[in-house]
Protein backbone atom coordinates (compact mmCIF):
# COMPACT_ATOMS: atom_id res chain seq x y z
CA MET A 1 -34.82 -22.93 -48.64
CA PRO A 2 -37.74 -21.06 -47.13
CA GLU A 3 -40.66 -20.85 -49.14
CA LEU A 4 -41.67 -17.16 -49.96
CA CYS A 5 -45.11 -18.27 -51.73
CA ARG A 6 -47.19 -20.83 -53.58
CA PHE A 7 -49.94 -19.94 -56.39
CA TYR A 8 -50.87 -21.96 -59.54
CA GLY A 9 -49.18 -24.78 -58.94
CA MET A 10 -45.73 -22.92 -58.45
CA VAL A 11 -43.53 -23.06 -55.14
CA ILE A 12 -41.51 -20.04 -54.94
CA ARG A 13 -38.21 -19.95 -52.58
CA MET A 14 -35.34 -18.14 -51.82
CA LEU A 15 -32.04 -19.65 -50.38
CA PHE A 16 -30.27 -17.91 -47.48
CA ASP A 17 -26.57 -16.77 -48.62
CA ASP A 18 -27.10 -17.92 -52.46
CA THR A 19 -24.75 -15.29 -53.74
CA VAL A 20 -22.15 -18.06 -55.32
CA LYS A 21 -23.69 -19.58 -58.26
CA HIS A 22 -25.67 -16.51 -59.25
CA TYR A 23 -24.64 -13.25 -58.39
CA LYS A 24 -27.85 -11.31 -59.05
CA PRO A 25 -30.99 -11.51 -56.52
CA HIS A 26 -33.27 -14.39 -57.69
CA VAL A 27 -35.86 -16.77 -56.64
CA HIS A 28 -36.23 -20.63 -57.20
CA VAL A 29 -39.25 -22.09 -58.71
CA GLN A 30 -40.90 -25.23 -58.85
CA TYR A 31 -44.07 -26.24 -61.01
CA ALA A 32 -44.56 -29.99 -61.66
CA GLU A 33 -41.64 -31.63 -63.23
CA TYR A 34 -39.86 -28.24 -64.03
CA ALA A 35 -37.33 -25.90 -61.63
CA ALA A 36 -35.78 -22.87 -62.42
CA SER A 37 -33.49 -19.87 -61.10
CA VAL A 38 -34.99 -16.71 -61.85
CA GLY A 39 -33.68 -13.34 -61.29
CA ILE A 40 -36.07 -10.89 -59.59
CA ASP A 41 -35.75 -8.96 -62.78
CA GLY A 42 -37.49 -11.88 -64.73
CA GLU A 43 -34.36 -13.52 -66.38
CA ILE A 44 -34.11 -17.27 -66.35
CA LEU A 45 -30.72 -17.85 -64.80
CA ALA A 46 -31.07 -21.78 -64.72
CA GLY A 47 -33.64 -24.30 -65.50
CA GLU A 48 -37.05 -24.02 -67.50
CA LEU A 49 -40.50 -23.18 -66.81
CA PRO A 50 -43.51 -23.61 -69.26
CA ALA A 51 -43.88 -20.18 -71.08
CA LYS A 52 -47.52 -19.81 -69.13
CA GLN A 53 -46.13 -19.94 -65.82
CA MET A 54 -43.20 -18.09 -66.89
CA LYS A 55 -45.63 -15.17 -68.04
CA VAL A 56 -47.57 -15.53 -64.57
CA LEU A 57 -44.21 -15.50 -62.58
CA GLN A 58 -42.95 -12.52 -64.13
CA ALA A 59 -46.08 -10.46 -63.70
CA TRP A 60 -45.74 -11.80 -59.93
CA LEU A 61 -42.15 -10.60 -59.77
CA VAL A 62 -42.98 -7.40 -61.04
CA MET A 63 -45.76 -6.63 -58.56
CA ARG A 64 -43.92 -7.80 -55.51
CA GLU A 65 -40.48 -6.50 -56.55
CA GLU A 66 -39.95 -4.36 -53.55
CA GLU A 67 -40.94 -7.01 -50.98
CA LEU A 68 -38.60 -9.75 -53.08
CA TYR A 69 -35.73 -7.21 -52.88
CA LYS A 70 -36.22 -6.71 -49.25
CA ALA A 71 -36.20 -10.40 -48.75
CA TRP A 72 -33.22 -10.89 -50.87
CA THR A 73 -31.30 -8.50 -48.46
CA LEU A 74 -32.47 -10.53 -45.43
CA ALA A 75 -31.78 -13.71 -46.99
CA VAL A 76 -28.35 -12.72 -47.84
CA ARG A 77 -27.33 -11.48 -44.38
CA LYS A 78 -28.89 -15.11 -43.16
CA GLU A 79 -31.97 -13.33 -41.33
CA PRO A 80 -35.74 -14.80 -41.39
CA ILE A 81 -37.80 -13.80 -44.38
CA GLN A 82 -41.33 -13.25 -44.44
CA THR A 83 -43.80 -14.96 -46.99
CA ILE A 84 -45.06 -12.67 -49.97
CA GLU A 85 -48.64 -12.59 -50.93
CA PRO A 86 -49.44 -14.67 -54.18
CA LEU A 87 -51.35 -13.60 -57.57
CA GLY A 88 -54.91 -13.61 -57.05
């Protein structure tokens, strides 16, 4: 699972060809003991994150939306993806 970004204790990854369980474009986020699958639109698809981290993640998703959709397209095709700039 390639790492897209890491900031404020969160690690954000995207799986290759990950369209079976969650049909919409999404990322996988880990923060301490928390883990969640979150749509690029900010919707939690599975798992949970603390409210503060979720708000920070949602801000990043909005700021990096174009890059994230581009990465999703590549990941679905099983092509290499680039890292994406963190917040801050």
